[in-house]
Protein backbone atom coordinates (compact mmCIF):
# COMPACT_ATOMS: atom_id res chain seq x y z
CA MET A 1 256.84 31.95 210.41
CA ILE A 2 254.13 34.56 209.83
CA GLU A 3 254.77 37.22 207.21
CA ILE A 4 251.78 39.67 206.00
CA SER A 5 251.56 41.80 202.84
CA GLN A 6 249.37 44.64 202.58
CA GLY A 7 251.27 46.46 200.00
CA HIS A 8 250.93 44.28 196.69
CA SER A 9 247.69 44.30 195.74
CA GLY A 10 245.44 47.61 195.93
CA GLU A 11 244.11 48.90 199.26
CA SER A 12 243.69 46.79 202.24
CA PRO A 13 239.87 45.64 202.60
CA ASP A 14 237.60 47.24 205.15
CA PRO A 15 237.58 44.70 207.88
CA SER A 16 233.91 45.58 209.07
CA GLN A 17 232.82 43.94 205.17
CA ALA A 18 233.35 40.73 206.40
CA SER A 19 230.52 40.88 208.88
CA SER A 20 227.53 38.55 209.89
CA ASN A 21 225.73 39.38 206.72
CA SER A 22 228.19 37.89 204.28
CA MET A 23 227.16 34.00 202.92
CA LEU A 24 230.37 33.08 203.93
CA ALA A 25 231.02 34.46 207.30
CA GLY A 26 231.63 31.97 210.65
CA PRO A 27 233.53 28.87 209.57
CA PRO A 28 231.96 28.38 206.22
CA GLY A 29 233.34 24.80 205.63
CA VAL A 30 230.82 23.39 208.17
CA ARG A 31 228.11 25.65 207.21
CA ARG A 32 228.03 25.17 203.77
CA CYS A 33 227.48 21.82 204.17
CA SER A 34 224.65 21.66 206.94
CA THR A 35 222.67 24.54 206.44
CA PRO A 36 223.20 26.42 203.34
CA ARG A 37 222.89 30.20 203.17
CA TRP A 38 223.59 31.54 199.72
CA PRO A 39 221.74 34.20 197.93
CA VAL A 40 218.87 34.02 195.89
CA LEU A 41 218.97 31.46 192.82
CA PHE A 42 219.68 32.90 189.11
CA VAL A 43 218.74 31.07 186.62
CA LEU A 44 219.75 31.36 182.58
CA ALA A 45 217.70 30.53 180.24
CA SER A 46 220.87 30.59 177.41
CA SER A 47 224.76 30.93 177.79
CA VAL A 48 225.58 34.69 177.29
CA ALA A 49 229.40 35.24 177.14
CA VAL A 50 230.87 38.64 178.45
CA GLY A 51 234.28 40.36 177.66
CA ALA A 52 237.01 41.54 179.83
CA CYS A 53 236.85 44.77 179.04
CA SER A 54 234.27 45.13 182.29
CA SER A 55 237.11 43.92 184.47
CA GLY A 56 238.70 45.94 187.37
CA SER A 57 242.38 45.67 188.16
CA SER A 58 244.21 47.00 191.69
CA GLY A 59 248.13 45.72 191.75
CA ARG A 60 248.60 41.96 191.50
CA ILE A 61 244.95 41.46 191.58
CA THR A 62 242.41 41.63 188.20
CA GLU A 63 238.91 40.96 188.66
CA PHE A 64 235.97 40.27 185.92
CA PRO A 65 232.66 40.26 186.95
CA VAL A 66 230.34 37.25 186.20
CA PRO A 67 227.20 38.29 184.05
CA THR A 68 224.69 36.31 186.14
CA ALA A 69 224.26 38.75 188.93
CA ALA A 70 224.30 37.22 192.81
CA SER A 71 225.33 33.66 191.38
CA GLY A 72 227.97 32.64 193.72
CA PRO A 73 230.48 31.61 191.51
CA THR A 74 232.05 28.92 194.12
CA ALA A 75 234.80 26.15 192.56
CA ILE A 76 236.81 26.85 189.63
CA THR A 77 239.54 24.64 187.80
CA LEU A 78 241.90 24.60 184.73
CA GLY A 79 240.16 22.70 181.30
CA PRO A 80 241.63 20.90 179.02
CA ASP A 81 240.95 24.11 176.47
CA GLY A 82 243.33 25.92 178.36
CA ASN A 83 240.53 27.70 179.81
CA LEU A 84 239.41 28.16 183.50
CA TRP A 85 236.06 26.50 184.23
CA PHE A 86 234.10 27.48 187.57
CA THR A 87 230.63 26.86 189.04
CA GLU A 88 227.79 29.65 190.18
CA ALA A 89 226.19 27.82 193.10
CA ASP A 90 223.38 30.45 193.08
CA GLY A 91 222.96 31.04 189.59
CA ASN A 92 222.55 26.96 189.00
CA ASN A 93 225.07 27.56 185.74
CA ILE A 94 228.57 26.25 184.99
CA GLY A 95 231.15 29.11 183.85
CA ARG A 96 233.99 29.35 181.48
CA ILE A 97 236.62 31.87 181.58
CA THR A 98 239.30 32.22 178.84
CA PRO A 99 242.46 33.67 180.20
CA ALA A 100 242.02 37.22 178.49
CA GLY A 101 238.40 37.36 180.70
CA SER A 102 235.98 36.53 178.28
CA ILE A 103 233.19 34.62 180.38
CA THR A 104 230.57 32.35 178.81
CA GLU A 105 227.91 30.72 180.67
CA PHE A 106 226.04 27.46 180.47
CA PRO A 107 222.49 26.56 182.44
CA VAL A 108 222.59 23.27 184.47
CA PRO A 109 219.24 21.32 183.40
CA THR A 110 218.19 20.61 186.83
CA ALA A 111 217.40 23.47 188.81
CA SER A 112 217.95 23.75 192.61
CA SER A 113 214.97 22.87 194.77
CA SER A 114 214.12 26.67 195.96
CA PRO A 115 215.69 29.83 196.00
CA GLY A 116 218.49 30.06 198.15
CA ASP A 117 219.76 26.31 197.72
CA ILE A 118 222.92 25.14 196.47
CA GLY A 119 223.40 24.34 192.74
CA PRO A 120 226.45 23.37 191.18
CA GLY A 121 229.42 22.83 193.72
CA ALA A 122 232.48 21.54 193.02
CA ILE A 123 234.61 20.68 189.76
CA THR A 124 237.42 19.13 188.24
CA LEU A 125 238.86 17.84 184.65
CA GLY A 126 237.88 14.43 183.96
CA PRO A 127 240.03 11.57 182.32
CA ASP A 128 237.83 11.95 179.29
CA GLY A 129 238.29 15.27 178.86
CA ASN A 130 235.25 16.73 180.14
CA LEU A 131 234.58 19.04 183.32
CA TRP A 132 232.78 16.92 186.04
CA PHE A 133 230.74 18.56 188.76
CA THR A 134 228.69 18.36 191.74
CA GLU A 135 225.31 19.00 192.47
CA PHE A 136 224.56 19.82 195.84
CA ASN A 137 220.71 20.28 195.88
CA GLY A 138 220.02 18.51 192.84
CA ASN A 139 221.85 15.34 194.15
CA ASN A 140 223.66 14.78 190.62
CA ILE A 141 226.94 14.52 189.19
CA GLY A 142 227.48 16.75 186.18
CA SER A 143 229.42 16.65 183.37
CA ILE A 144 230.03 19.01 180.78
CA THR A 145 232.17 18.87 177.48
CA PRO A 146 234.40 21.83 176.42
CA ALA A 147 231.85 22.72 173.94
CA GLY A 148 229.39 23.17 176.52
CA THR A 149 227.04 20.09 176.67
CA ILE A 150 225.86 18.44 180.23
CA THR A 151 224.83 15.31 181.44
CA GLU A 152 223.73 14.44 184.68
CA PHE A 153 223.87 11.54 186.14
CA PRO A 154 221.68 11.23 189.88
CA VAL A 155 222.87 9.85 193.13
CA PRO A 156 221.22 8.79 196.20
CA LEU A 157 219.59 11.83 198.36
CA SER A 158 223.33 12.42 199.74
CA SER A 159 224.22 16.36 198.94
CA PRO A 160 227.36 15.62 196.84
CA CYS A 161 230.36 18.21 197.17
CA GLY A 162 233.68 17.81 196.69
CA ILE A 163 234.94 15.71 193.13
CA THR A 164 238.39 14.71 191.86
CA ALA A 165 239.69 12.12 189.22
CA GLY A 166 241.18 8.78 190.91
CA PRO A 167 243.82 7.28 189.68
CA ASP A 168 241.34 3.96 188.46
CA GLY A 169 239.98 6.51 185.28
CA ASN A 170 236.92 6.99 187.47
CA LEU A 171 235.92 10.28 189.55
CA TRP A 172 235.62 10.34 192.80
CA PHE A 173 233.26 12.37 195.45
CA THR A 174 232.13 12.88 198.63
CA GLU A 175 228.43 12.93 200.10
CA CYS A 176 228.36 15.46 202.65
CA SER A 177 224.73 14.29 203.98
CA GLY A 178 225.04 10.87 203.17
CA ASN A 179 228.37 10.00 204.98
CA ASN A 180 229.99 8.49 202.01
CA ILE A 181 232.66 8.40 199.35
CA GLY A 182 230.81 7.98 196.04
CA ARG A 183 232.68 6.63 192.83
CA ILE A 184 231.70 7.35 189.46
CA THR A 185 232.60 5.80 186.27
CA PRO A 186 232.62 7.88 183.12
CA ALA A 187 229.84 6.01 182.02
CA GLY A 188 228.33 6.77 185.31
CA SER A 189 228.27 3.99 187.14
CA ILE A 190 228.30 4.91 190.93
CA THR A 191 229.46 2.99 193.66
CA GLU A 192 229.52 4.03 197.13
CA PHE A 193 231.70 3.35 200.23
CA PRO A 194 230.63 4.77 203.74
CA VAL A 195 232.53 6.65 206.15
CA PRO A 196 233.16 5.13 209.47
CA THR A 197 232.36 8.24 211.78
CA ALA A 198 229.36 9.93 212.28
CA GLY A 199 228.99 13.61 213.08
CA ARG A 200 226.84 14.71 216.31
CA PRO A 201 223.67 14.58 216.98
CA PRO A 202 223.13 10.54 216.31
CA GLY A 203 222.25 10.46 212.79
CA ASP A 204 224.31 13.53 211.47
CA THR A 205 227.62 12.82 209.30
CA SER A 206 231.12 13.44 209.82
CA GLN A 207 230.66 16.12 206.28
CA PRO A 208 232.97 14.54 204.03
CA ASN A 209 233.52 17.39 202.27
CA ASP A 210 236.47 18.26 199.45
CA ILE A 211 238.79 15.46 198.19
CA THR A 212 242.02 15.11 195.97
CA LEU A 213 244.32 12.84 194.69
CA GLY A 214 247.28 11.68 197.18
CA PRO A 215 251.15 10.83 195.94
CA ASP A 216 250.52 7.28 197.04
CA GLY A 217 247.56 6.64 194.65
CA ASN A 218 244.66 7.13 197.40
CA LEU A 219 242.26 9.54 197.26
CA TRP A 220 242.59 12.21 200.19
CA PHE A 221 239.31 13.67 202.07
CA THR A 222 238.24 16.28 204.51
CA GLU A 223 236.13 15.57 207.55
CA SER A 224 234.41 19.02 208.19
CA GLU A 225 231.90 18.05 211.38
CA ALA A 226 233.27 19.62 214.39
CA ILE A 227 233.10 16.29 216.08
CA ALA A 228 234.44 14.29 213.55
CA ASN A 229 237.29 16.82 212.46
CA ASN A 230 239.41 14.33 210.43
CA ILE A 231 241.43 13.59 207.42
CA GLY A 232 240.42 10.70 205.30
CA ARG A 233 241.96 8.37 203.04
CA ILE A 234 240.25 5.97 200.87
CA THR A 235 241.84 3.44 198.96
CA PRO A 236 240.52 2.77 195.10
CA THR A 237 239.33 -0.49 196.62
CA GLY A 238 237.29 1.19 199.01
CA THR A 239 239.28 0.97 202.34
CA ILE A 240 238.50 4.34 204.48
CA THR A 241 241.45 5.27 207.18
CA GLU A 242 240.59 8.60 209.73
CA PHE A 243 243.45 10.54 211.01
CA PRO A 244 242.11 12.98 213.64
CA VAL A 245 243.37 16.73 213.28
CA PRO A 246 244.99 17.53 215.96
CA THR A 247 243.19 21.17 216.92
CA ALA A 248 239.35 20.58 218.08
CA SER A 249 236.68 21.34 215.88
CA ALA A 250 239.29 23.15 213.37
CA GLY A 251 236.64 22.56 210.58
CA PRO A 252 238.98 21.07 207.87
CA TYR A 253 237.33 22.14 204.79
CA GLY A 254 239.57 21.88 201.42
CA ILE A 255 242.53 19.44 200.48
CA THR A 256 245.42 19.51 197.83
CA LEU A 257 248.30 18.01 197.08
CA GLY A 258 251.22 19.67 197.57
CA PRO A 259 254.95 20.31 196.19
CA ASP A 260 256.59 18.43 198.95
CA GLY A 261 254.27 15.39 198.44
CA ASN A 262 252.61 15.96 201.35
CA LEU A 263 248.55 16.43 201.09
CA TRP A 264 247.92 20.26 202.67
CA PHE A 265 244.44 21.48 203.68
CA THR A 266 242.69 24.43 204.85
CA GLU A 267 240.30 24.62 208.48
CA ALA A 268 237.51 26.98 208.13
CA GLY A 269 236.29 25.99 211.30
CA ALA A 270 237.45 27.43 214.91
CA ALA A 271 240.88 27.08 214.07
CA ASN A 272 241.69 29.28 211.10
CA LYS A 273 244.80 27.23 210.57
CA ILE A 274 246.48 25.48 207.56
CA GLY A 275 247.53 21.56 207.78
CA SER A 276 249.59 19.51 206.44
CA ILE A 277 249.23 15.41 206.55
CA THR A 278 251.92 13.10 205.07
CA PRO A 279 251.22 9.99 203.24
CA THR A 280 251.57 8.52 206.77
CA GLY A 281 249.32 10.55 208.70
CA THR A 282 251.66 13.04 210.60
CA ILE A 283 250.16 15.93 210.64
CA THR A 284 251.20 19.68 211.03
CA GLU A 285 249.39 22.92 211.59
CA PHE A 286 250.38 26.50 210.45
CA PRO A 287 248.26 29.37 212.24
CA VAL A 288 246.84 32.27 209.67
CA PRO A 289 248.17 35.34 210.36
CA THR A 290 244.98 37.25 211.21
CA GLU A 291 241.77 35.99 213.44
CA SER A 292 238.41 34.68 211.70
CA ARG A 293 240.12 34.65 208.41
CA GLY A 294 238.15 31.49 207.11
CA PRO A 295 240.71 29.87 204.86
CA VAL A 296 238.75 27.57 202.51
CA GLU A 297 240.10 26.41 199.47
CA ILE A 298 243.67 25.50 198.95
CA THR A 299 246.14 24.55 195.60
CA SER A 300 249.22 24.15 194.74
CA GLY A 301 250.85 27.22 192.90
CA PRO A 302 253.37 27.24 189.78
CA ASP A 303 256.06 29.17 192.20
CA GLY A 304 256.54 25.91 194.53
CA ASN A 305 253.91 27.05 196.81
CA LEU A 306 250.83 26.50 198.38
CA TRP A 307 247.83 29.30 197.67
CA PHE A 308 244.36 29.61 199.70
CA THR A 309 241.42 31.77 199.79
CA GLU A 310 240.34 33.58 203.22
CA ALA A 311 236.50 33.91 202.64
CA ASP A 312 236.27 36.08 205.68
CA GLY A 313 239.99 38.03 205.46
CA ASN A 314 239.16 38.65 201.93
CA ASN A 315 242.43 37.75 201.09
CA ILE A 316 244.51 35.60 198.60
CA ALA A 317 247.01 34.14 200.73
CA ARG A 318 250.66 32.25 199.97
CA ILE A 319 252.01 29.54 202.17
CA THR A 320 255.52 27.50 201.52
CA PRO A 321 256.29 24.39 202.43
CA THR A 322 257.96 25.51 205.64
CA GLY A 323 254.56 27.22 206.76
CA THR A 324 255.49 31.20 206.08
CA ILE A 325 252.65 33.04 205.13
CA THR A 326 251.95 35.85 202.79
CA GLU A 327 248.43 37.54 202.59
CA PHE A 328 247.72 39.81 199.28
CA PRO A 329 244.20 41.61 199.94
CA VAL A 330 241.35 41.33 197.31
CA PRO A 331 240.40 44.88 195.68
CA THR A 332 236.62 44.23 196.32
CA ALA A 333 235.81 44.69 199.93
CA GLY A 334 233.79 41.76 201.13
CA SER A 335 234.44 39.72 198.18
CA GLY A 336 234.27 36.02 199.45
CA PRO A 337 236.88 34.70 197.90
CA PHE A 338 236.74 30.65 197.54
CA GLY A 339 237.57 28.44 195.09
CA ILE A 340 241.02 28.74 193.70
CA THR A 341 243.39 27.06 191.13
CA ALA A 342 246.32 27.68 189.12
CA GLY A 343 245.86 28.90 185.51
CA PRO A 344 247.67 27.93 182.20
CA ASP A 345 249.55 31.48 182.00
CA GLY A 346 251.13 30.84 185.53
CA ALA A 347 248.59 33.17 187.49
CA LEU A 348 246.26 31.70 190.06
CA TRP A 349 242.68 32.30 189.38
CA PHE A 350 240.27 32.79 192.08
CA THR A 351 236.42 33.01 192.55
CA GLU A 352 234.43 35.66 194.70
CA ALA A 353 231.57 34.05 195.83
CA ASN A 354 229.93 37.30 197.25
CA ALA A 355 230.98 39.81 194.63
CA THR A 356 230.07 37.73 191.82
CA LYS A 357 233.71 38.21 190.02
CA ILE A 358 236.61 35.91 188.77
CA GLY A 359 239.72 36.57 189.95
CA ARG A 360 243.61 36.62 188.73
CA LEU A 361 246.48 36.80 190.76
CA ALA A 362 249.93 37.12 189.42
CA VAL A 363 252.43 35.31 191.06
CA PRO A 364 255.04 37.35 192.83
CA THR A 365 258.63 36.48 191.58
CA ASN A 366 260.41 38.61 194.13
CA SER A 367 258.63 38.73 197.49
């Protein structure tokens, strides 16, 4: 079933804004790992705070501008302090936003190698109470305390992408160009496990991308490269099993544990679908209502549904465990919604990579 909601969250965006000039146009899951195309890098010299007074709102969605211009806010997660923490891929910062909308930024010590390169990418809460993040071009895994102290651990040249906490007290991450799944202890010791499938052409990688903890105690990850096109599972001891996505060149990207005990993932490539995989490997796919929406990241919501971003469609969308999809337009046209997570206030919080904002969506109760 498909349902489109166009009347709850302000005016619908102008479709012409989602053009090839958007940094997230096309299959964002594949492009981001193989050929980064981000705006010019801006680096802060010190932390900066900004209040919610400069926010804008429309309907269910409220938006908060990030202080650093064109900083490309990307991933977002809930911290142990009740705030939301996010990465700024082009600003090379880690950001923190309170539920009231006050933003503070912390510069990452290692600068990206050149303007336009990707800095910090994914972010997650670690077992030690710190936030852990990947540095795509810096080839580091970073850790930041709730007070803002950053520590970095070098990774072999591998472009780390996704990261999540494992069941073993360690952090697990994907290596986009290294074609490995990595494990790092809170003390910084790294172990790598090769992904069986390679990409195209020979010597390329399967582009392991996002990763999450499954209900079976294993780690589940996406392989975004068009030929690989798999969902992978790795045990805490390092055994990897791969499950092909039925739709060719689907570009699986974001992945999360759903309320039904299955893993849910986005298909950011040619498929334009949302997928679900059981712990035994059975995959079901649900088409996104509008063509070329570019579903990117996905998370479980407080309402028992899954919520995902549409980078090219400029929507936040909801899918029920039975497959009904509803879309909510973001007020700022061409904003490039990217990362998404559930907040401590019962709302969904998301990043706007093109608009350089953090968004908050109040979860509907009657629709």
